[in-house]
Protein backbone atom coordinates (compact mmCIF):
# COMPACT_ATOMS: atom_id res chain seq x y z
CA MET A 1 177.90 181.02 -26.41
CA LEU A 2 180.25 182.85 -29.29
CA TYR A 3 180.59 179.46 -31.16
CA GLN A 4 176.78 179.00 -31.01
CA ILE A 5 175.88 182.69 -32.38
CA TYR A 6 178.12 182.14 -35.40
CA GLU A 7 176.47 178.30 -35.85
CA MET A 8 172.86 180.41 -35.62
CA GLN A 9 173.97 183.01 -37.66
CA HIS A 10 175.00 180.94 -40.65
CA ALA A 11 171.75 178.79 -40.10
CA ALA A 12 169.81 181.67 -40.54
CA LEU A 13 171.51 183.23 -43.44
CA THR A 14 171.05 179.83 -45.42
CA PRO A 15 167.49 180.76 -46.84
CA ILE A 16 168.74 184.12 -48.20
CA ARG A 17 171.82 182.55 -49.57
CA VAL A 18 169.63 180.07 -51.20
CA ILE A 19 167.46 182.75 -52.73
CA ALA A 20 170.65 184.73 -53.88
CA ASP A 21 172.03 181.79 -55.63
CA HIS A 22 168.43 181.11 -57.59
CA SER A 23 168.13 184.64 -58.34
CA LEU A 24 171.76 184.96 -59.63
CA GLN A 25 170.99 181.86 -62.04
CA ALA A 26 167.66 183.64 -63.25
CA LEU A 27 169.24 186.93 -63.48
CA ARG A 28 172.28 185.32 -65.91
CA SER A 29 170.08 182.80 -67.67
CA PRO A 30 170.39 183.39 -71.74
CA TRP A 31 166.65 182.68 -71.79
CA ASN A 32 165.91 185.73 -69.87
CA PRO A 33 165.57 188.74 -71.84
CA LEU A 34 165.91 190.94 -68.76
CA ALA A 35 169.51 189.29 -68.15
CA TYR A 36 170.92 191.78 -70.96
CA THR A 37 169.84 194.98 -69.03
CA PRO A 38 172.25 197.15 -66.69
CA GLY A 39 169.75 196.49 -64.21
CA ALA A 40 170.26 192.70 -64.03
CA HIS A 41 173.77 193.02 -63.99
CA LEU A 42 173.94 194.96 -61.13
CA MET A 43 171.96 192.79 -59.08
CA ALA A 44 173.32 189.69 -59.98
CA ALA A 45 176.69 190.99 -59.12
CA ALA A 46 175.29 191.51 -55.80
CA CYS A 47 174.08 188.48 -55.34
CA ASP A 48 177.11 186.82 -56.07
CA GLN A 49 178.85 188.22 -53.86
CA PHE A 50 176.31 187.94 -50.85
CA GLU A 51 176.46 183.86 -51.70
CA HIS A 52 180.07 184.00 -51.36
CA LEU A 53 180.58 186.20 -48.63
CA THR A 54 178.57 184.32 -46.21
CA ARG A 55 179.18 180.72 -47.35
CA ARG A 56 181.28 178.44 -45.24
CA TYR A 57 184.39 177.12 -47.17
CA GLY A 58 185.50 173.71 -46.47
CA LYS A 59 188.92 172.66 -46.45
CA PRO A 60 190.48 173.12 -50.04
CA LYS A 61 192.26 170.76 -52.41
CA PHE A 62 195.71 171.42 -53.45
CA GLY A 63 195.10 169.98 -56.91
CA LEU A 64 198.44 170.10 -58.05
CA HIS A 65 197.94 167.12 -60.62
CA THR A 66 201.25 167.90 -62.67
CA THR A 67 204.43 169.67 -62.66
CA LEU A 68 207.10 170.86 -65.05
CA ILE A 69 210.64 169.27 -64.77
CA ASP A 70 213.14 170.24 -67.46
CA GLY A 71 210.50 171.25 -69.85
CA GLN A 72 208.36 167.76 -69.39
CA GLU A 73 205.11 167.41 -67.89
CA VAL A 74 205.36 164.88 -64.96
CA VAL A 75 202.30 163.83 -63.02
CA ILE A 76 201.95 164.55 -59.63
CA GLU A 77 200.13 161.97 -57.00
CA GLU A 78 199.23 163.08 -53.27
CA GLN A 79 199.82 160.47 -50.76
CA ILE A 80 199.51 160.23 -47.10
CA VAL A 81 202.51 158.80 -45.73
CA ASP A 82 202.01 159.12 -42.26
CA ARG A 83 199.10 159.92 -40.03
CA LYS A 84 198.73 160.83 -36.57
CA THR A 85 195.46 162.31 -34.41
CA PHE A 86 195.77 166.04 -35.27
CA GLY A 87 197.83 166.19 -38.57
CA GLN A 88 199.45 163.71 -41.10
CA LEU A 89 202.25 163.94 -43.58
CA LYS A 90 201.68 164.40 -47.08
CA HIS A 91 204.23 163.27 -50.03
CA PHE A 92 203.56 164.89 -53.26
CA ARG A 93 204.97 162.34 -55.32
CA ARG A 94 206.47 162.65 -58.51
CA HIS A 95 206.22 160.20 -61.23
CA ALA A 96 209.70 160.69 -62.20
CA GLU A 97 213.26 159.18 -61.46
CA ARG A 98 215.22 161.65 -59.65
CA ASN A 99 217.63 162.27 -57.13
CA ASP A 100 216.38 165.80 -55.94
CA PRO A 101 216.66 167.01 -52.30
CA LYS A 102 213.62 166.24 -50.06
CA VAL A 103 212.33 169.09 -48.16
CA LEU A 104 209.58 169.30 -45.53
CA ILE A 105 207.42 172.04 -45.59
CA VAL A 106 205.95 173.02 -42.26
CA ALA A 107 202.83 174.65 -42.57
CA PRO A 108 201.38 176.91 -39.99
CA MET A 109 198.73 175.83 -37.62
CA SER A 110 197.18 179.24 -37.25
CA GLY A 111 193.59 179.16 -38.34
CA HIS A 112 194.44 178.24 -42.20
CA TYR A 113 194.80 174.81 -43.76
CA ALA A 114 198.20 173.61 -45.44
CA THR A 115 196.68 174.92 -48.84
CA LEU A 116 197.43 178.16 -47.98
CA LEU A 117 201.01 177.24 -49.21
CA ARG A 118 200.05 175.97 -52.38
CA GLY A 119 202.14 178.24 -54.17
CA THR A 120 205.14 177.65 -52.04
CA VAL A 121 204.17 173.78 -52.94
CA GLU A 122 203.86 174.32 -56.74
CA ALA A 123 206.94 176.47 -57.09
CA MET A 124 209.51 173.79 -55.05
CA LEU A 125 207.88 170.65 -56.88
CA PRO A 126 210.21 170.78 -60.11
CA ASP A 127 213.30 170.68 -58.33
CA HIS A 128 212.49 168.88 -55.16
CA GLU A 129 210.76 166.00 -53.52
CA VAL A 130 208.04 167.76 -51.48
CA TYR A 131 206.41 166.85 -48.32
CA ILE A 132 203.97 169.13 -45.90
CA THR A 133 202.39 168.66 -42.64
CA ASP A 134 198.96 168.69 -43.09
CA TRP A 135 196.97 169.79 -39.60
CA ARG A 136 193.51 168.58 -39.14
CA ASP A 137 190.57 170.52 -38.02
CA ALA A 138 190.49 170.50 -34.05
CA ARG A 139 186.66 170.83 -34.41
CA ASN A 140 186.56 167.53 -35.91
CA VAL A 141 188.54 165.52 -33.37
CA PRO A 142 186.51 163.87 -30.83
CA LEU A 143 187.43 165.00 -27.34
CA PHE A 144 188.36 161.46 -26.17
CA GLU A 145 190.97 161.53 -28.89
CA GLY A 146 193.23 163.59 -26.41
CA THR A 147 194.99 167.10 -26.82
CA PHE A 148 197.55 168.75 -28.78
CA ASP A 149 200.02 171.50 -27.38
CA PHE A 150 203.22 173.08 -28.18
CA ASP A 151 205.17 170.41 -27.18
CA ASP A 152 202.86 167.55 -29.22
CA TYR A 153 203.87 170.18 -32.23
CA ILE A 154 207.57 170.02 -32.03
CA ASP A 155 207.12 166.07 -31.23
CA TYR A 156 204.97 165.64 -34.64
CA VAL A 157 208.17 167.86 -36.51
CA ILE A 158 210.25 165.45 -35.06
CA ARG A 159 208.40 162.20 -36.09
CA PHE A 160 207.77 163.27 -39.38
CA LEU A 161 211.59 164.02 -40.00
CA GLU A 162 212.20 160.48 -38.64
CA HIS A 163 209.80 159.17 -41.36
CA ILE A 164 210.89 160.98 -44.43
CA GLY A 165 214.73 159.95 -43.27
CA PRO A 166 218.13 161.41 -43.26
CA ASN A 167 219.89 164.23 -45.61
CA THR A 168 215.99 165.95 -45.27
CA HIS A 169 215.68 169.73 -45.82
CA VAL A 170 212.69 171.37 -43.38
CA LEU A 171 211.39 174.75 -44.91
CA ALA A 172 208.94 176.55 -41.76
CA VAL A 173 206.71 179.42 -42.96
CA CYS A 174 205.33 181.85 -40.05
CA GLN A 175 204.00 180.56 -37.09
CA PRO A 176 206.01 177.07 -37.21
CA CYS A 177 209.42 178.76 -37.49
CA VAL A 178 209.62 178.34 -33.21
CA PRO A 179 208.89 174.85 -32.92
CA VAL A 180 210.97 174.02 -35.90
CA LEU A 181 213.90 175.63 -34.47
CA ALA A 182 213.22 173.96 -31.35
CA ALA A 183 212.83 170.45 -32.74
CA VAL A 184 215.88 170.99 -34.95
CA ALA A 185 217.80 172.10 -31.59
CA LEU A 186 216.56 168.96 -29.83
CA MET A 187 217.70 166.39 -32.55
CA SER A 188 221.00 168.17 -32.86
CA ALA A 189 221.72 167.89 -29.37
CA GLU A 190 221.51 164.05 -29.33
CA ASN A 191 223.12 163.47 -32.74
CA HIS A 192 220.02 162.28 -34.04
CA GLU A 193 220.52 161.02 -37.55
CA CYS A 194 217.59 162.63 -38.90
CA THR A 195 218.62 166.05 -37.82
CA PRO A 196 217.83 168.40 -40.96
CA THR A 197 220.69 169.16 -43.49
CA THR A 198 219.19 172.63 -43.64
CA MET A 199 216.51 175.02 -42.13
CA THR A 200 215.04 177.61 -43.66
CA LEU A 201 212.73 180.12 -41.50
CA MET A 202 210.36 182.14 -43.34
CA GLY A 203 208.34 185.07 -41.73
CA GLY A 204 208.43 183.81 -38.04
CA PRO A 205 208.22 185.23 -34.75
CA ILE A 206 211.87 183.88 -33.30
CA ASP A 207 211.80 186.84 -31.05
CA VAL A 208 209.25 189.56 -31.43
CA ARG A 209 210.77 192.11 -29.35
CA CYS A 210 212.36 193.01 -32.71
CA ASN A 211 210.12 195.63 -34.33
CA PRO A 212 207.20 194.64 -32.55
CA THR A 213 203.84 194.78 -34.89
CA LYS A 214 200.14 195.13 -33.84
CA VAL A 215 199.66 191.48 -33.62
CA ASN A 216 202.61 190.99 -31.10
CA GLU A 217 201.50 194.18 -28.98
CA LEU A 218 197.68 192.61 -28.51
CA ALA A 219 199.48 189.28 -27.44
CA HIS A 220 201.64 191.24 -24.79
CA SER A 221 199.24 193.66 -23.65
CA ARG A 222 196.80 191.21 -22.24
CA PRO A 223 197.19 188.38 -19.61
CA LEU A 224 197.01 185.11 -20.47
CA SER A 225 193.55 184.44 -18.68
CA TRP A 226 192.21 187.21 -20.90
CA PHE A 227 192.54 185.01 -23.96
CA LYS A 228 191.25 182.13 -22.19
CA ASN A 229 188.00 183.72 -20.91
CA ASN A 230 187.62 185.65 -24.46
CA VAL A 231 188.65 183.45 -27.07
CA ILE A 232 188.52 179.99 -26.03
CA VAL A 233 184.85 178.52 -26.64
CA LYS A 234 183.79 175.31 -26.87
CA VAL A 235 182.89 172.95 -29.91
CA PRO A 236 178.95 172.68 -30.64
CA PRO A 237 177.01 169.76 -31.60
CA PRO A 238 176.87 168.44 -34.41
CA ASN A 239 180.74 168.69 -34.91
CA ALA A 240 182.83 165.72 -34.01
CA GLY A 241 184.78 167.80 -31.55
CA PHE A 242 181.96 168.51 -29.61
CA MET A 243 183.01 170.12 -26.44
CA ARG A 244 186.65 170.80 -27.17
CA PRO A 245 187.93 173.96 -26.13
CA VAL A 246 189.22 175.58 -29.32
CA TYR A 247 190.20 179.01 -30.68
CA PRO A 248 187.96 179.17 -33.49
CA GLY A 249 189.11 180.09 -36.78
CA PHE A 250 186.56 182.54 -37.71
CA LEU A 251 187.89 184.68 -34.67
CA GLN A 252 191.28 184.49 -36.00
CA LEU A 253 190.30 185.37 -39.45
CA ALA A 254 188.22 188.08 -38.25
CA GLY A 255 191.44 189.44 -36.72
CA PHE A 256 193.43 189.24 -39.31
CA MET A 257 191.16 191.13 -41.84
CA SER A 258 190.52 193.86 -39.17
CA MET A 259 194.32 195.07 -39.49
CA ASN A 260 194.00 195.67 -43.42
CA LEU A 261 189.88 196.46 -43.44
CA ASP A 262 190.27 198.81 -45.85
CA ARG A 263 192.35 196.77 -48.25
CA HIS A 264 189.94 193.68 -48.13
CA PHE A 265 186.75 195.82 -48.69
CA GLU A 266 188.27 197.71 -51.51
CA ALA A 267 189.15 194.26 -52.92
CA HIS A 268 185.54 192.93 -52.94
CA ARG A 269 184.51 196.42 -54.50
CA THR A 270 186.81 195.78 -57.38
CA ILE A 271 185.44 192.22 -57.85
CA TYR A 272 181.81 193.54 -57.81
CA ARG A 273 182.72 195.97 -60.48
CA HIS A 274 184.59 192.82 -62.44
CA LEU A 275 181.22 191.14 -62.23
CA VAL A 276 179.20 194.10 -63.35
CA ALA A 277 181.32 194.52 -66.46
CA GLY A 278 180.96 190.78 -67.30
CA ASP A 279 184.87 190.46 -66.44
CA GLY A 280 184.70 186.86 -64.96
CA GLU A 281 188.26 186.18 -65.26
CA SER A 282 189.46 189.15 -63.58
CA ALA A 283 186.85 188.77 -60.62
CA ALA A 284 187.86 184.80 -60.50
CA ALA A 285 191.56 185.95 -59.93
CA LYS A 286 190.79 187.69 -56.64
CA ARG A 287 187.93 185.30 -55.96
CA GLU A 288 190.49 182.60 -55.75
CA PHE A 289 192.75 184.24 -53.15
CA TYR A 290 189.52 185.05 -50.97
CA GLU A 291 188.34 181.53 -51.30
CA GLU A 292 191.28 179.93 -49.82
CA TYR A 293 191.76 182.95 -47.40
CA LEU A 294 188.27 182.44 -46.18
CA ALA A 295 188.66 178.87 -45.21
CA VAL A 296 189.51 178.61 -41.56
CA MET A 297 190.06 175.87 -38.95
CA ASP A 298 189.92 175.81 -35.21
CA LEU A 299 192.76 175.44 -33.01
CA CYS A 300 193.17 173.29 -29.92
CA GLU A 301 193.08 175.77 -26.81
CA GLU A 302 196.26 173.90 -25.28
CA PHE A 303 198.59 174.68 -28.46
CA TYR A 304 197.16 178.24 -28.80
CA LEU A 305 197.36 179.31 -25.13
CA GLN A 306 200.89 177.86 -24.87
CA THR A 307 201.99 179.84 -28.32
CA ILE A 308 200.92 182.95 -26.89
CA GLN A 309 202.80 182.38 -23.64
CA ARG A 310 206.04 181.09 -24.74
CA VAL A 311 206.10 182.93 -27.96
CA PHE A 312 204.55 186.21 -27.58
CA GLN A 313 204.62 186.79 -23.64
CA ASP A 314 207.45 185.15 -22.30
CA TYR A 315 209.87 185.04 -25.27
CA ALA A 316 211.09 181.64 -24.05
CA LEU A 317 213.36 180.99 -26.92
CA PRO A 318 215.46 184.01 -27.29
CA LYS A 319 215.69 184.03 -23.34
CA GLY A 320 216.80 180.61 -23.60
CA GLU A 321 214.34 179.37 -21.33
CA LEU A 322 211.91 177.12 -23.62
CA MET A 323 211.57 173.76 -22.16
CA TRP A 324 210.29 170.50 -24.07
CA TRP A 325 208.43 167.90 -22.06
CA ASP A 326 209.28 167.35 -18.61
CA GLY A 327 211.81 169.81 -18.77
CA GLU A 328 214.23 169.03 -21.41
CA PRO A 329 215.71 172.63 -22.40
CA VAL A 330 215.74 173.97 -25.88
CA ARG A 331 219.56 174.77 -26.79
CA PRO A 332 219.94 176.24 -30.34
CA ALA A 333 223.56 176.48 -29.63
CA ALA A 334 223.49 172.59 -30.36
CA ILE A 335 223.08 173.01 -34.06
CA THR A 336 226.38 172.87 -35.35
CA ARG A 337 225.60 170.88 -38.91
CA THR A 338 222.32 172.31 -39.90
CA ALA A 339 222.75 175.22 -42.47
CA LEU A 340 220.44 178.25 -41.91
CA MET A 341 218.68 180.50 -43.71
CA THR A 342 216.03 183.43 -42.88
CA VAL A 343 213.62 184.89 -45.31
CA GLU A 344 212.01 188.16 -44.35
CA GLY A 345 209.56 190.43 -46.11
CA ALA A 346 210.10 194.58 -45.92
CA LYS A 347 206.53 195.19 -45.73
CA ASP A 348 205.48 192.61 -43.19
CA ASP A 349 203.11 193.46 -40.80
CA ILE A 350 202.61 190.07 -39.12
CA CYS A 351 206.12 189.58 -38.35
CA GLY A 352 208.37 192.51 -38.07
CA ILE A 353 211.88 192.92 -39.53
CA GLY A 354 214.35 191.19 -37.69
CA GLN A 355 212.17 188.80 -35.75
CA THR A 356 213.15 185.70 -38.11
CA GLN A 357 216.80 186.78 -38.49
CA ALA A 358 217.10 186.51 -34.80
CA ALA A 359 217.45 182.93 -35.09
CA HIS A 360 220.97 183.54 -36.45
CA ASP A 361 221.97 185.01 -33.22
CA LEU A 362 220.62 182.00 -31.32
CA CYS A 363 222.29 179.73 -33.36
CA THR A 364 225.72 180.74 -32.46
CA ASN A 365 227.64 177.38 -33.38
CA ILE A 366 226.74 177.31 -37.05
CA PRO A 367 229.64 178.29 -38.89
CA ASN A 368 229.32 181.61 -40.81
CA HIS A 369 229.71 179.91 -44.21
CA MET A 370 226.56 178.05 -43.39
CA ARG A 371 224.21 181.05 -42.76
CA LEU A 372 222.09 182.89 -45.37
CA HIS A 373 219.93 185.93 -44.23
CA TYR A 374 217.40 187.18 -47.34
CA GLU A 375 214.85 190.16 -47.34
CA GLN A 376 212.40 190.74 -49.96
CA PRO A 377 211.87 194.10 -51.18
CA GLY A 378 208.34 195.36 -51.48
CA VAL A 379 206.60 192.31 -49.90
CA GLY A 380 204.12 191.64 -47.06
CA HIS A 381 203.69 188.36 -45.10
CA TYR A 382 201.68 186.64 -47.56
CA GLY A 383 204.09 187.66 -50.44
CA ILE A 384 207.03 185.80 -48.60
CA PHE A 385 205.75 182.30 -49.53
CA ASN A 386 203.23 183.08 -52.38
CA GLY A 387 202.96 184.93 -55.54
CA ARG A 388 205.05 186.43 -58.33
CA ARG A 389 207.71 187.76 -56.18
CA TRP A 390 207.97 184.48 -54.31
CA ARG A 391 208.14 182.32 -57.68
CA GLU A 392 210.43 184.94 -59.40
CA GLU A 393 213.02 186.03 -56.54
CA ILE A 394 212.37 184.26 -53.19
CA ALA A 395 211.87 180.60 -54.23
CA PRO A 396 215.29 180.76 -56.21
CA GLN A 397 217.04 181.83 -53.45
CA VAL A 398 215.84 179.23 -51.11
CA LYS A 399 216.17 176.56 -53.95
CA ALA A 400 219.99 177.58 -54.65
CA PHE A 401 220.73 177.40 -50.73
CA ILE A 402 219.17 173.67 -50.44
CA ARG A 403 220.88 172.72 -53.35
CA ASN A 404 224.21 173.94 -52.03
CA TYR A 405 223.95 171.77 -49.00
CA ASP A 406 222.44 168.77 -50.42
CA GLN A 407 224.49 165.93 -49.47
CA GLU A 408 223.16 163.81 -52.66
CA GLY A 409 222.90 165.68 -55.13
CA LYS A 410 220.88 166.21 -58.61
CA GLY A 411 220.45 163.00 -60.61
CA ARG A 412 219.10 163.14 -64.58
CA MET A 413 215.13 162.80 -64.72
CA THR A 414 213.71 159.66 -66.00
CA VAL A 415 209.77 160.14 -66.37
CA ALA A 416 207.81 157.29 -65.39
């Protein structure tokens, strides 16, 4: 009934939201003499906040139309180059002839859409041929199209790497660090020609026994049956995925926001004050973040529960017990030719310090000169892959690492 209650609440608030929106337009109309009074400013700001906080946000667009390469503006075209049931491979094609490294960015399947990594993509575009995994909202996948689990995730990563071809670099952010490391290990074991040249893991739960956070403790403190009985619900009509068991995105969002509730509350108070003062530009800057942050997607039951069990309860990868499909072992020691970089944030409260760096202890056969660990002072989880610190301090480190091991080098740009 949880999903049904959520839907009913949204439907019940719809008339009030419409009234608030119309009131907002009237209170800000230049033809309304009351619009210039302090009381109207307060009421308009309240209506504005209510409408945005109760809105249901759909899948955002990347909106990356151009990039600057060597001082020249180059057009970007989004292309879907491979499509599977629960995800697609998106290519940000640059209208320029370049011989830049190919990078597959593996986005988290953890409640938010791949557009959460818009800043990550934007920073990489000037110097790389960028691809990204664009996961599909489980509530929009009809039940007859099958299921999606942890092994499927690994399979999708391998499939997308095969599509891009040899000498590709893979970059995983947060949750996919474990399946990406598993995919690279499996490809290395069979000497696959499309095994990535480099692997960059950023803020991921490779070994959550290192400095466990509140997220890790919650996942370990309850049996798997508790998660199945308390957070797994079936998608209600009229969604295309009707009757599919999922972990709803709104539940995951509620969990993340509750960890820093005071910070989110203060952020919305700040937005309100900006609106009252007529500083729409400052309010828009903060609101842009929340319009992305509040857009969430549902996860398939199989994938969510297997992730909880294998990563956060059994510690299968660091203990050497992770299996793929019909018992094929995942052995990080098989990785010998893929250079490894790990990135952590000093203030990360989702993945504690050392959890990502643990990948170096597992990949025992990567030569020391092909390893790099970077810890960014002063940033939390989100700051690892978005924001000023990412653009100015972390991204240059990642780019230099990739460029150092790329086998094709950099060519001269010709604008198409």
